[in-house]
Amino acid sequence: MNSKDALEGVRSLFKQLGGWPAITDAWNDSHFSWMEFSKWSRRLGFLPAMFIHVGVNVDDVHQPWNPNDTIKLTIQRPVHTSRLVDDNLGYLRIAKFLTQSRIPEAKEIDDAFQFGREFHMIFQLECGGHGAVHMTEMSIKILQELYPIVDWMKYLTAILTTNQRKNLASADLIIADTCFLTSFNDLFKRTSKRVQANYAFLTLIDDMFRLVRPELALAFAENQREREDICFDSTATIFAKALDIAIVEKIPPGMKAKISDMKHRIRGKTLTSILAIPWMDYETKMPIVNQMDGSPFVILAPDGILDDKYFNRLELLQTDAIQTYFIQINGFLVDHYYLQAGRPRNEYEIHGRNGESISFLDIFSPNDLLIKPDSLGKQIYVPAASILTRKILLSKELEFLNYATVGREIATALGISIYKKNWFSSIDSMKNPLPSKSMLNHFTSLESCYTMAFTQAGLEMHSAVLMFSLIGAAELTYKIIFDDCQFDDCGVTLPNFNYTPQQIFWMHAITSDCDRDLKYRYNTMLSNNEAFVRDFNCQFGSKMNSRNKCKIFT
């Protein structure tokens, strides 16, 4: 894709949604309604950040509901209630870049931002900000009478899946944030459609700079190298998240025991494995070995971590799920992950008909699936979702991938602890909090992208964490899994993927986190890891953007 094609794609998409008033000739109020904009932007895979969040909180959303049952829907504030960038001039420049004839006016952007600020103040002042959210149970019919913002039956029917909408009736019950809906209704009544539409498109523009939807980033790219970097970041992020979801959804019976085995073997072999890591010198290794003694692992598995299956469009129980995964991945990731990304845990308070009050926590968050080393004690948290059991038969390929992934994540948490707790420093002396000078010299001589970070004063966590938790964890887990594999299927390969288990392991080690350091991680693996070079038949030290780069994605 080139920048011109990306730009035309953005313009075409905007036209499908009624047109951005700031750059559209002959725009009028009939071109925009919140219901149509929200419905179609959802179907195109965007976040409903600008409208009303509809959450489906039932255990099996693929099952049709029975008439008059309580449909556990939540109607509440948008997940993202503030702009990513509060830069009026920046959005004006984007408008001038996208327009084909109409000259955008700064006042239109300013008015949209003012509306956005008022919109945000509803949550901060009138409805409790990020604290308690007041939810009231009512029928869809009553919701329509009290808050006729949209045709709710029509709107819900458009959003829900085919099975979910089969028995949807106006008598069905929902739980709604009445404070938000009241304030929302009042604000929109006194704001022109043009201002609302401009705000909606600003929110859409934010979304189009995300890694999972990089259309605008590609349109603004100045050269082929920038486009390649954007495409790699986006592909790697989606690939890693896709595998994470598949792994979380398909934990088989018995995997808990295997994960426990992995945990104990990593704990038992860490000391000797650290001593064998080629890029870490003796001066750095010994304090780690001395301070790791007695470090326990703790497994956290909160109940209901996967109960929120909101818009789970993938039929992951099908045998061909891995093939269908990447066709639908963008929309699924947006719905399942990013509707909740960055969202604080809301404490809901439901007021029943008889005055009773029920409080509960929205317990699911993507953060629950991440590794979190305890910052106070000597504890490493194993990902909760990775040790849940399910009564399904899992393919050997995904089971192995889960096994390797959890092992790497345990080692990653270990690496973060090593850095955060200064385990690489001498016990009786904290004068030298960084790794040894000879080790840093080794790294900076091989990997230029770390040179500046390592020479900065003080504890620069960014690069040191990359060094210990990404490279060290990969070295450690690779050695434990492939040098001493006690798992029956270490030799399996994912169907339709022409990769060896070792290659799959490295791919996940490189593309596991949603950040901007994916290329650095890739380059550093090539510069410092002989096993990586051997498994991909690459030239040692070759960089991603060079002509002789190692192409791991075939």
Protein backbone atom coordinates (compact mmCIF):
# COMPACT_ATOMS: atom_id res chain seq x y z
CA MET A 1 0.00 0.00 0.00
CA ASN A 2 1.21 3.52 -0.76
CA SER A 3 0.21 6.79 0.92
CA LYS A 4 -2.05 7.82 -1.96
CA ASP A 5 -4.08 4.61 -1.74
CA ALA A 6 -4.35 4.95 2.03
CA LEU A 7 -5.56 8.54 1.66
CA GLU A 8 -8.23 7.57 -0.85
CA GLY A 9 -9.30 4.74 1.44
CA VAL A 10 -9.81 7.18 4.32
CA ARG A 11 -11.84 9.56 2.14
CA SER A 12 -14.03 6.71 0.91
CA LEU A 13 -14.64 5.49 4.44
CA PHE A 14 -15.62 8.98 5.61
CA LYS A 15 -18.14 9.21 2.77
CA GLN A 16 -19.71 5.90 3.85
CA LEU A 17 -20.31 7.41 7.29
CA GLY A 18 -22.04 10.53 5.97
CA GLY A 19 -19.02 12.77 5.47
CA TRP A 20 -16.92 14.89 7.83
CA PRO A 21 -18.68 18.30 7.82
CA ALA A 22 -15.39 20.21 8.11
CA ILE A 23 -14.25 18.96 4.69
CA THR A 24 -17.54 18.07 2.95
CA ASP A 25 -19.30 20.36 0.48
CA ALA A 26 -23.08 20.81 0.82
CA TRP A 27 -23.21 18.91 4.10
CA ASN A 28 -26.54 19.07 5.98
CA ASP A 29 -28.10 17.60 9.12
CA SER A 30 -29.70 14.73 7.22
CA HIS A 31 -26.23 13.29 6.56
CA PHE A 32 -25.68 12.44 10.23
CA SER A 33 -27.42 10.63 13.07
CA TRP A 34 -25.74 9.08 16.10
CA MET A 35 -27.53 5.80 15.58
CA GLU A 36 -26.41 5.37 11.97
CA PHE A 37 -22.91 6.65 12.63
CA SER A 38 -22.39 4.39 15.65
CA LYS A 39 -23.93 1.36 13.94
CA TRP A 40 -21.87 1.61 10.77
CA SER A 41 -18.64 2.61 12.48
CA ARG A 42 -19.00 -0.48 14.69
CA ARG A 43 -19.55 -2.67 11.64
CA LEU A 44 -16.42 -1.22 10.07
CA GLY A 45 -14.48 -2.23 13.17
CA PHE A 46 -14.12 1.10 14.97
CA LEU A 47 -14.56 1.90 18.63
CA PRO A 48 -17.92 3.32 19.78
CA ALA A 49 -15.99 5.97 21.65
CA MET A 50 -18.26 8.74 20.51
CA PHE A 51 -21.65 7.30 21.36
CA ILE A 52 -23.18 4.91 23.90
CA HIS A 53 -21.45 1.76 25.07
CA VAL A 54 -23.66 -1.32 24.84
CA GLY A 55 -22.24 -4.24 26.80
CA VAL A 56 -23.51 -7.82 26.60
CA ASN A 57 -22.74 -9.41 29.95
CA VAL A 58 -24.08 -12.94 29.66
CA ASP A 59 -22.18 -16.20 29.88
CA ASP A 60 -23.22 -17.54 26.49
CA VAL A 61 -24.00 -14.70 24.13
CA HIS A 62 -24.23 -17.10 21.18
CA GLN A 63 -27.40 -18.62 22.67
CA PRO A 64 -30.80 -17.04 21.83
CA TRP A 65 -32.62 -15.44 24.72
CA ASN A 66 -36.03 -16.55 25.92
CA PRO A 67 -38.88 -14.03 25.79
CA ASN A 68 -39.24 -11.90 28.94
CA ASP A 69 -35.91 -13.04 30.36
CA THR A 70 -33.67 -10.34 31.75
CA ILE A 71 -31.29 -9.52 28.94
CA LYS A 72 -28.10 -8.55 30.67
CA LEU A 73 -27.33 -5.51 28.59
CA THR A 74 -25.66 -2.42 29.96
CA ILE A 75 -26.38 0.96 28.41
CA GLN A 76 -23.81 3.40 29.69
CA ARG A 77 -21.13 5.98 28.97
CA PRO A 78 -18.62 5.45 26.15
CA VAL A 79 -15.53 3.51 27.06
CA HIS A 80 -13.20 6.28 25.91
CA THR A 81 -14.50 9.62 27.11
CA SER A 82 -11.64 11.94 26.24
CA ARG A 83 -9.57 12.77 23.19
CA LEU A 84 -6.25 11.08 22.59
CA VAL A 85 -4.66 14.39 21.61
CA ASP A 86 -6.04 17.79 22.59
CA ASP A 87 -4.54 19.59 19.61
CA ASN A 88 -6.94 21.74 17.60
CA LEU A 89 -4.32 22.84 15.07
CA GLY A 90 -3.24 19.24 14.55
CA TYR A 91 -6.75 18.19 13.56
CA LEU A 92 -7.08 21.25 11.35
CA ARG A 93 -3.93 20.16 9.48
CA ILE A 94 -5.42 16.68 9.07
CA ALA A 95 -8.62 18.23 7.68
CA LYS A 96 -6.61 20.28 5.16
CA PHE A 97 -4.73 17.13 4.17
CA LEU A 98 -7.94 15.15 3.59
CA THR A 99 -10.10 17.79 1.92
CA GLN A 100 -10.56 17.83 -1.85
CA SER A 101 -12.35 21.15 -2.29
CA ARG A 102 -13.87 22.72 0.84
CA ILE A 103 -11.41 24.75 2.94
CA PRO A 104 -11.69 23.64 6.61
CA GLU A 105 -12.30 26.34 9.20
CA ALA A 106 -10.55 26.43 12.57
CA LYS A 107 -13.81 27.40 14.30
CA GLU A 108 -15.42 24.10 13.33
CA ILE A 109 -12.63 22.15 15.02
CA ASP A 110 -12.74 24.45 18.07
CA ASP A 111 -16.51 24.00 18.44
CA ALA A 112 -16.15 20.22 18.24
CA PHE A 113 -13.50 20.27 20.97
CA GLN A 114 -15.71 22.45 23.17
CA PHE A 115 -18.54 19.96 22.74
CA GLY A 116 -16.14 17.15 23.63
CA ARG A 117 -15.10 18.94 26.80
CA GLU A 118 -18.74 19.37 27.83
CA PHE A 119 -19.34 15.71 27.03
CA HIS A 120 -16.42 14.72 29.23
CA MET A 121 -17.56 16.95 32.10
CA ILE A 122 -20.76 14.91 32.35
CA PHE A 123 -18.72 11.98 33.63
CA GLN A 124 -16.40 14.02 35.79
CA LEU A 125 -18.93 16.20 37.60
CA GLU A 126 -22.51 15.08 37.13
CA CYS A 127 -22.14 11.30 37.02
CA GLY A 128 -19.27 10.49 39.30
CA GLY A 129 -16.33 10.48 36.93
CA HIS A 130 -14.51 7.16 37.08
CA GLY A 131 -16.08 6.14 40.37
CA ALA A 132 -19.47 4.59 41.06
CA VAL A 133 -21.84 4.30 38.12
CA HIS A 134 -25.55 4.28 38.96
CA MET A 135 -27.36 1.60 37.00
CA THR A 136 -31.11 1.04 36.99
CA GLU A 137 -33.00 -1.98 35.69
CA MET A 138 -35.81 -1.24 33.23
CA SER A 139 -37.47 -2.66 30.15
CA ILE A 140 -36.45 -1.56 26.67
CA LYS A 141 -39.94 -0.06 26.32
CA ILE A 142 -39.44 2.12 29.41
CA LEU A 143 -35.96 3.03 28.21
CA GLN A 144 -37.52 4.29 24.97
CA GLU A 145 -40.12 6.35 26.83
CA LEU A 146 -37.66 7.97 29.23
CA TYR A 147 -34.65 8.38 26.93
CA PRO A 148 -35.77 8.60 23.28
CA ILE A 149 -32.26 9.38 22.06
CA VAL A 150 -32.56 6.69 19.38
CA ASP A 151 -35.02 3.96 18.43
CA TRP A 152 -33.59 1.52 20.97
CA MET A 153 -35.12 -1.64 19.51
CA LYS A 154 -33.78 -0.73 16.09
CA TYR A 155 -30.39 0.23 17.49
CA LEU A 156 -29.95 -2.92 19.61
CA THR A 157 -31.14 -5.11 16.77
CA ALA A 158 -28.50 -3.58 14.51
CA ILE A 159 -25.73 -4.13 17.04
CA LEU A 160 -26.51 -7.62 18.34
CA THR A 161 -25.69 -10.85 16.54
CA THR A 162 -28.30 -12.87 14.65
CA ASN A 163 -28.85 -15.34 17.49
CA GLN A 164 -28.99 -12.60 20.11
CA ARG A 165 -31.69 -10.64 18.33
CA LYS A 166 -34.01 -13.61 17.63
CA ASN A 167 -36.10 -13.19 20.75
CA LEU A 168 -35.39 -9.54 21.47
CA ALA A 169 -38.59 -7.83 22.64
CA SER A 170 -39.45 -4.45 24.08
CA ALA A 171 -40.47 -6.14 27.35
CA ASP A 172 -36.95 -7.49 27.89
CA LEU A 173 -34.98 -5.91 30.71
CA ILE A 174 -31.71 -4.02 30.52
CA ILE A 175 -29.60 -2.12 33.04
CA ALA A 176 -28.81 1.48 32.13
CA ASP A 177 -26.78 4.34 33.53
CA THR A 178 -29.61 6.80 34.04
CA CYS A 179 -27.39 9.71 35.06
CA PHE A 180 -25.39 9.43 31.87
CA LEU A 181 -28.46 9.04 29.65
CA THR A 182 -30.18 12.08 31.19
CA SER A 183 -27.14 14.33 30.81
CA PHE A 184 -26.38 12.90 27.39
CA ASN A 185 -29.90 13.68 26.17
CA ASP A 186 -29.84 17.24 27.51
CA LEU A 187 -26.46 18.04 25.97
CA PHE A 188 -27.35 16.69 22.54
CA LYS A 189 -30.64 18.60 22.43
CA ARG A 190 -28.81 21.93 22.73
CA THR A 191 -25.94 21.11 20.34
CA SER A 192 -26.18 21.41 16.57
CA LYS A 193 -25.89 18.29 14.42
CA ARG A 194 -22.89 19.78 12.61
CA VAL A 195 -20.90 20.16 15.82
CA GLN A 196 -21.84 16.65 16.93
CA ALA A 197 -20.78 15.19 13.58
CA ASN A 198 -17.45 17.02 13.63
CA TYR A 199 -16.78 15.62 17.11
CA ALA A 200 -17.70 12.12 15.96
CA PHE A 201 -15.20 12.27 13.10
CA LEU A 202 -12.46 13.61 15.37
CA THR A 203 -12.97 10.52 17.51
CA LEU A 204 -12.81 8.36 14.40
CA ILE A 205 -9.55 10.04 13.39
CA ASP A 206 -8.07 9.12 16.77
CA ASP A 207 -8.98 5.52 16.14
CA MET A 208 -7.38 5.55 12.69
CA PHE A 209 -3.97 6.28 14.18
CA ARG A 210 -4.06 3.16 16.39
CA LEU A 211 -1.89 0.18 15.57
CA VAL A 212 -4.90 -1.98 14.75
CA ARG A 213 -6.31 0.60 12.31
CA PRO A 214 -3.31 2.46 10.82
CA GLU A 215 -5.06 4.02 7.79
CA LEU A 216 -4.21 7.63 8.60
CA ALA A 217 -0.73 6.79 9.82
CA LEU A 218 -0.07 5.15 6.43
CA ALA A 219 -1.60 8.11 4.59
CA PHE A 220 0.79 10.49 6.38
CA ALA A 221 3.87 8.27 5.92
CA GLU A 222 6.55 10.15 3.99
CA ASN A 223 8.49 7.20 2.56
CA GLN A 224 8.47 3.45 2.07
CA ARG A 225 10.51 2.82 5.21
CA GLU A 226 7.91 4.55 7.38
CA ARG A 227 5.15 2.52 5.72
CA GLU A 228 7.06 -0.71 6.34
CA ASP A 229 7.54 0.19 10.00
CA ILE A 230 3.84 0.98 10.42
CA CYS A 231 2.79 -2.23 8.69
CA PHE A 232 5.16 -4.32 10.79
CA ASP A 233 3.97 -2.77 14.06
CA SER A 234 0.33 -3.24 13.09
CA THR A 235 0.77 -6.81 11.83
CA ALA A 236 2.85 -7.84 14.81
CA THR A 237 0.38 -6.34 17.28
CA ILE A 238 -2.62 -8.02 15.69
CA PHE A 239 -0.75 -11.31 15.36
CA ALA A 240 0.25 -11.33 19.01
CA LYS A 241 -3.22 -10.37 20.25
CA ALA A 242 -4.83 -12.97 17.99
CA LEU A 243 -2.68 -15.72 19.45
CA ASP A 244 -3.31 -14.46 22.98
CA ILE A 245 -7.07 -14.68 22.48
CA ALA A 246 -6.89 -18.12 20.90
CA ILE A 247 -4.76 -19.34 23.78
CA VAL A 248 -7.00 -17.85 26.46
CA GLU A 249 -10.17 -19.23 24.87
CA LYS A 250 -8.84 -22.74 24.28
CA ILE A 251 -7.23 -23.86 27.53
CA PRO A 252 -7.74 -27.66 27.70
CA PRO A 253 -8.15 -29.95 30.71
CA GLY A 254 -4.76 -30.88 32.02
CA MET A 255 -3.07 -27.68 30.89
CA LYS A 256 -3.07 -26.42 34.46
CA ALA A 257 -0.82 -29.32 35.45
CA LYS A 258 1.50 -28.66 32.52
CA ILE A 259 1.74 -24.98 33.40
CA SER A 260 2.53 -25.92 36.97
CA ASP A 261 5.24 -28.22 35.67
CA MET A 262 6.63 -25.41 33.53
CA LYS A 263 6.61 -23.09 36.54
CA HIS A 264 8.54 -25.47 38.76
CA ARG A 265 11.06 -26.36 36.08
CA ILE A 266 11.70 -22.70 35.32
CA ARG A 267 12.16 -22.04 39.01
CA GLY A 268 14.45 -25.02 39.40
CA LYS A 269 16.59 -24.29 36.35
CA THR A 270 16.72 -20.51 36.45
CA LEU A 271 19.92 -20.34 38.46
CA THR A 272 21.91 -22.60 36.13
CA SER A 273 20.27 -21.11 33.04
CA ILE A 274 21.24 -17.56 34.01
CA LEU A 275 24.82 -18.72 34.36
CA ALA A 276 24.65 -20.02 30.77
CA ILE A 277 23.20 -16.89 29.11
CA PRO A 278 25.95 -15.85 26.68
CA TRP A 279 25.36 -12.10 26.71
CA MET A 280 25.44 -11.71 30.51
CA ASP A 281 28.84 -11.64 32.19
CA TYR A 282 29.78 -13.24 35.51
CA GLU A 283 29.87 -9.93 37.36
CA THR A 284 26.20 -9.37 36.50
CA LYS A 285 25.05 -12.97 36.92
CA MET A 286 26.17 -13.70 40.46
CA PRO A 287 24.08 -11.08 42.34
CA ILE A 288 21.01 -12.35 40.47
CA VAL A 289 21.76 -15.95 41.41
CA ASN A 290 22.32 -14.98 45.05
CA GLN A 291 19.12 -12.97 45.38
CA MET A 292 16.81 -15.34 43.51
CA ASP A 293 17.02 -18.01 46.16
CA GLY A 294 13.61 -18.70 47.68
CA SER A 295 11.55 -16.63 45.22
CA PRO A 296 8.09 -18.22 45.05
CA PHE A 297 5.59 -18.19 42.20
CA VAL A 298 1.97 -17.30 42.83
CA ILE A 299 -0.86 -18.24 40.45
CA LEU A 300 -3.82 -15.90 40.33
CA ALA A 301 -7.05 -17.11 38.76
CA PRO A 302 -9.93 -14.77 39.64
CA ASP A 303 -13.35 -16.29 39.10
CA GLY A 304 -15.11 -15.21 35.94
CA ILE A 305 -12.09 -13.73 34.20
CA LEU A 306 -13.50 -14.73 30.81
CA ASP A 307 -17.20 -14.27 31.54
CA ASP A 308 -17.37 -11.10 29.48
CA LYS A 309 -17.71 -12.46 25.95
CA TYR A 310 -18.96 -9.22 24.47
CA PHE A 311 -19.21 -9.52 20.69
CA ASN A 312 -17.21 -12.72 20.56
CA ARG A 313 -17.74 -13.29 16.84
CA LEU A 314 -15.17 -16.08 16.48
CA GLU A 315 -16.33 -19.68 16.69
CA LEU A 316 -13.17 -20.76 18.46
CA LEU A 317 -14.48 -24.24 19.21
CA GLN A 318 -14.47 -25.15 15.53
CA THR A 319 -11.57 -27.24 14.28
CA ASP A 320 -10.72 -24.71 11.56
CA ALA A 321 -10.72 -21.75 13.95
CA ILE A 322 -7.07 -20.95 13.33
CA GLN A 323 -7.83 -20.46 9.61
CA THR A 324 -10.87 -18.23 10.17
CA TYR A 325 -9.10 -16.27 12.88
CA PHE A 326 -7.16 -13.83 10.74
CA ILE A 327 -10.08 -13.07 8.41
CA GLN A 328 -12.15 -11.64 11.25
CA ILE A 329 -9.39 -10.56 13.59
CA ASN A 330 -9.67 -6.78 13.27
CA GLY A 331 -13.32 -6.45 14.26
CA PHE A 332 -12.96 -9.02 17.00
CA LEU A 333 -9.92 -7.36 18.54
CA VAL A 334 -11.66 -4.01 18.58
CA ASP A 335 -14.73 -5.41 20.28
CA HIS A 336 -13.10 -7.85 22.68
CA TYR A 337 -10.00 -5.95 23.74
CA TYR A 338 -9.99 -2.31 22.83
CA LEU A 339 -13.49 -1.50 24.03
CA GLN A 340 -12.01 -2.14 27.45
CA ALA A 341 -8.43 -0.98 26.98
CA GLY A 342 -7.47 1.75 29.41
CA ARG A 343 -10.85 1.60 31.08
CA PRO A 344 -10.81 1.71 34.88
CA ARG A 345 -12.64 -0.98 36.79
CA ASN A 346 -16.10 0.46 37.24
CA GLU A 347 -17.98 -0.13 40.43
CA TYR A 348 -21.61 -0.50 39.37
CA GLU A 349 -24.50 0.15 41.69
CA ILE A 350 -27.82 -1.30 40.52
CA HIS A 351 -31.00 -0.03 42.12
CA GLY A 352 -33.80 -2.60 42.01
CA ARG A 353 -37.52 -2.03 41.87
CA ASN A 354 -38.00 -2.57 45.61
CA GLY A 355 -35.24 -0.23 46.70
CA GLU A 356 -32.56 -2.88 47.09
CA SER A 357 -29.05 -1.96 45.98
CA ILE A 358 -26.57 -4.37 44.41
CA SER A 359 -22.91 -3.50 43.88
CA PHE A 360 -20.52 -5.48 41.72
CA LEU A 361 -17.21 -5.05 39.95
CA ASP A 362 -16.59 -5.23 36.24
CA ILE A 363 -13.90 -7.85 36.75
CA PHE A 364 -12.63 -8.38 33.21
CA SER A 365 -9.80 -6.31 31.85
CA PRO A 366 -6.99 -7.04 29.36
CA ASN A 367 -4.62 -6.26 32.22
CA ASP A 368 -5.83 -9.41 33.96
CA LEU A 369 -4.11 -11.42 31.25
CA LEU A 370 -0.72 -9.80 31.68
CA ILE A 371 2.22 -10.83 33.83
CA LYS A 372 2.63 -8.70 36.92
CA PRO A 373 5.66 -9.20 39.16
CA ASP A 374 4.98 -8.13 42.72
CA SER A 375 6.78 -4.84 43.31
CA LEU A 376 7.10 -5.51 47.04
CA GLY A 377 7.68 -9.22 47.64
CA LYS A 378 9.59 -11.91 45.78
CA GLN A 379 6.63 -13.14 43.77
CA ILE A 380 6.05 -13.79 40.08
CA TYR A 381 2.45 -13.88 38.92
CA VAL A 382 1.55 -16.45 36.30
CA PRO A 383 -1.14 -15.20 33.85
CA ALA A 384 -4.47 -16.15 35.32
CA ALA A 385 -6.15 -16.97 32.04
CA SER A 386 -3.37 -19.35 31.08
CA ILE A 387 -4.15 -21.82 33.83
CA LEU A 388 -7.93 -21.95 33.52
CA THR A 389 -9.36 -25.31 32.48
CA ARG A 390 -12.01 -25.97 29.85
CA LYS A 391 -13.89 -29.14 28.90
CA ILE A 392 -12.84 -29.11 25.26
CA LEU A 393 -10.25 -30.93 23.22
CA LEU A 394 -7.49 -28.64 22.06
CA SER A 395 -5.29 -29.20 19.04
CA LYS A 396 -1.75 -30.22 19.93
CA GLU A 397 -0.45 -27.20 18.05
CA LEU A 398 -2.26 -24.60 20.12
CA GLU A 399 -1.57 -26.53 23.30
CA PHE A 400 2.13 -26.42 22.61
CA LEU A 401 1.97 -22.73 21.72
CA ASN A 402 0.20 -22.00 24.98
CA TYR A 403 2.82 -23.98 26.85
CA ALA A 404 5.70 -22.12 25.22
CA THR A 405 3.98 -18.75 25.61
CA VAL A 406 3.29 -19.13 29.31
CA GLY A 407 6.85 -20.24 29.88
CA ARG A 408 8.15 -17.15 28.13
CA GLU A 409 5.80 -14.91 30.08
CA ILE A 410 6.88 -16.41 33.40
CA ALA A 411 10.48 -15.75 32.44
CA THR A 412 9.54 -12.24 31.30
CA ALA A 413 8.06 -11.46 34.72
CA LEU A 414 11.20 -12.88 36.26
CA GLY A 415 13.30 -10.56 34.11
CA ILE A 416 11.26 -7.53 35.15
CA SER A 417 11.72 -8.46 38.80
CA ILE A 418 15.45 -8.84 38.27
CA TYR A 419 15.59 -5.29 37.03
CA LYS A 420 13.09 -3.57 39.32
CA LYS A 421 14.54 -5.09 42.49
CA ASN A 422 18.15 -4.47 41.46
CA TRP A 423 18.94 -8.16 41.70
CA PHE A 424 21.86 -7.57 39.37
CA SER A 425 23.47 -5.36 42.05
CA SER A 426 25.65 -6.68 44.80
CA ILE A 427 23.73 -7.43 48.01
CA ASP A 428 26.13 -5.48 50.21
CA SER A 429 26.53 -2.56 47.83
CA MET A 430 24.01 -0.51 45.87
CA LYS A 431 26.60 1.89 44.44
CA ASN A 432 26.34 0.39 40.97
CA PRO A 433 22.61 -0.11 40.26
CA LEU A 434 23.07 -0.85 36.54
CA PRO A 435 24.45 -4.06 35.00
CA SER A 436 28.23 -4.25 34.75
CA LYS A 437 30.09 -1.92 32.43
CA SER A 438 31.52 -4.77 30.39
CA MET A 439 28.03 -6.15 29.78
CA LEU A 440 26.72 -2.76 28.67
CA ASN A 441 29.69 -2.36 26.35
CA HIS A 442 28.87 -5.73 24.82
CA PHE A 443 25.28 -4.70 24.20
CA THR A 444 25.94 -1.24 22.86
CA SER A 445 28.61 -2.51 20.50
CA LEU A 446 26.17 -4.97 18.94
CA GLU A 447 22.95 -2.98 19.03
CA SER A 448 23.20 0.72 18.22
CA CYS A 449 19.55 1.46 18.99
CA TYR A 450 20.24 0.95 22.71
CA THR A 451 23.34 3.12 22.90
CA MET A 452 21.61 6.38 23.72
CA ALA A 453 19.25 4.85 26.29
CA PHE A 454 22.06 3.11 28.17
CA THR A 455 24.22 6.22 28.38
CA GLN A 456 21.50 8.34 29.98
CA ALA A 457 21.93 9.17 33.63
CA GLY A 458 20.20 7.23 36.38
CA LEU A 459 18.02 4.14 36.16
CA GLU A 460 16.60 4.07 32.66
CA MET A 461 13.98 1.38 33.05
CA HIS A 462 12.90 1.37 29.40
CA SER A 463 15.93 -0.26 27.80
CA ALA A 464 17.08 -2.20 30.85
CA VAL A 465 13.71 -3.91 31.08
CA LEU A 466 13.90 -4.76 27.39
CA MET A 467 17.32 -6.25 27.93
CA PHE A 468 16.45 -8.40 30.92
CA SER A 469 12.80 -9.26 30.40
CA LEU A 470 12.68 -9.65 26.62
CA ILE A 471 16.04 -11.05 25.62
CA GLY A 472 16.83 -12.80 28.89
CA ALA A 473 13.37 -14.33 29.16
CA ALA A 474 13.54 -15.63 25.62
CA GLU A 475 16.98 -17.15 26.21
CA LEU A 476 15.88 -18.74 29.45
CA THR A 477 12.59 -20.18 28.22
CA TYR A 478 14.03 -21.36 24.91
CA LYS A 479 16.70 -23.33 26.75
CA ILE A 480 14.21 -24.89 29.17
CA ILE A 481 11.63 -25.81 26.52
CA PHE A 482 13.83 -27.03 23.72
CA ASP A 483 16.90 -28.32 25.56
CA ASP A 484 14.91 -30.29 28.11
CA CYS A 485 11.40 -30.70 26.75
CA GLN A 486 9.10 -32.84 28.89
CA PHE A 487 6.08 -32.02 26.77
CA ASP A 488 4.77 -34.59 24.27
CA ASP A 489 4.23 -32.15 21.43
CA CYS A 490 7.33 -29.97 21.33
CA GLY A 491 7.75 -31.01 17.70
CA VAL A 492 4.33 -29.97 16.38
CA THR A 493 3.72 -27.10 13.97
CA LEU A 494 0.62 -24.95 13.60
CA PRO A 495 -1.57 -26.03 10.65
CA ASN A 496 -1.16 -23.89 7.52
CA PHE A 497 1.87 -22.17 9.07
CA ASN A 498 5.19 -23.22 7.59
CA TYR A 499 7.12 -22.63 10.77
CA THR A 500 8.98 -24.91 13.15
CA PRO A 501 8.09 -24.81 16.87
CA GLN A 502 11.31 -22.91 17.50
CA GLN A 503 10.37 -20.28 14.91
CA ILE A 504 6.88 -19.93 16.38
CA PHE A 505 8.42 -19.40 19.78
CA TRP A 506 10.66 -16.59 18.52
CA MET A 507 7.82 -14.93 16.60
CA HIS A 508 5.75 -14.74 19.74
CA ALA A 509 8.72 -13.58 21.80
CA ILE A 510 9.19 -10.67 19.38
CA THR A 511 5.55 -9.67 18.82
CA SER A 512 4.11 -10.28 22.26
CA ASP A 513 3.60 -6.75 23.57
CA CYS A 514 1.66 -3.83 22.12
CA ASP A 515 4.37 -1.17 22.11
CA ARG A 516 6.60 0.80 19.79
CA ASP A 517 9.75 -1.29 20.38
CA LEU A 518 8.95 -4.27 18.17
CA LYS A 519 11.63 -3.45 15.62
CA TYR A 520 14.24 -2.94 18.34
CA ARG A 521 13.34 -6.28 19.85
CA TYR A 522 13.64 -7.97 16.47
CA ASN A 523 17.01 -6.37 15.74
CA THR A 524 18.36 -7.17 19.20
CA MET A 525 17.40 -10.82 18.91
CA LEU A 526 19.37 -11.00 15.67
CA SER A 527 22.33 -9.21 17.20
CA ASN A 528 22.60 -11.22 20.38
CA ASN A 529 20.96 -14.60 20.02
CA GLU A 530 22.68 -17.41 18.16
CA ALA A 531 19.66 -19.73 18.46
CA PHE A 532 17.43 -17.14 16.78
CA VAL A 533 19.89 -16.78 13.91
CA ARG A 534 20.17 -20.55 13.53
CA ASP A 535 16.42 -21.23 13.64
CA PHE A 536 15.67 -18.66 10.92
CA ASN A 537 18.86 -19.22 8.92
CA CYS A 538 19.68 -15.52 9.14
CA GLN A 539 22.86 -13.52 8.95
CA PHE A 540 24.01 -12.72 12.49
CA GLY A 541 23.38 -9.05 13.27
CA SER A 542 21.27 -8.26 10.18
CA LYS A 543 18.71 -5.50 10.74
CA MET A 544 15.04 -5.47 9.82
CA ASN A 545 15.25 -2.61 7.34
CA SER A 546 18.44 -3.70 5.63
CA ARG A 547 18.58 -5.54 2.32
CA ASN A 548 19.83 -8.71 3.96
CA LYS A 549 17.16 -8.60 6.65
CA CYS A 550 15.86 -11.82 8.15
CA LYS A 551 12.28 -12.29 6.95
CA ILE A 552 10.50 -14.17 9.71
CA PHE A 553 7.04 -13.61 8.20
CA THR A 554 7.06 -15.72 5.01
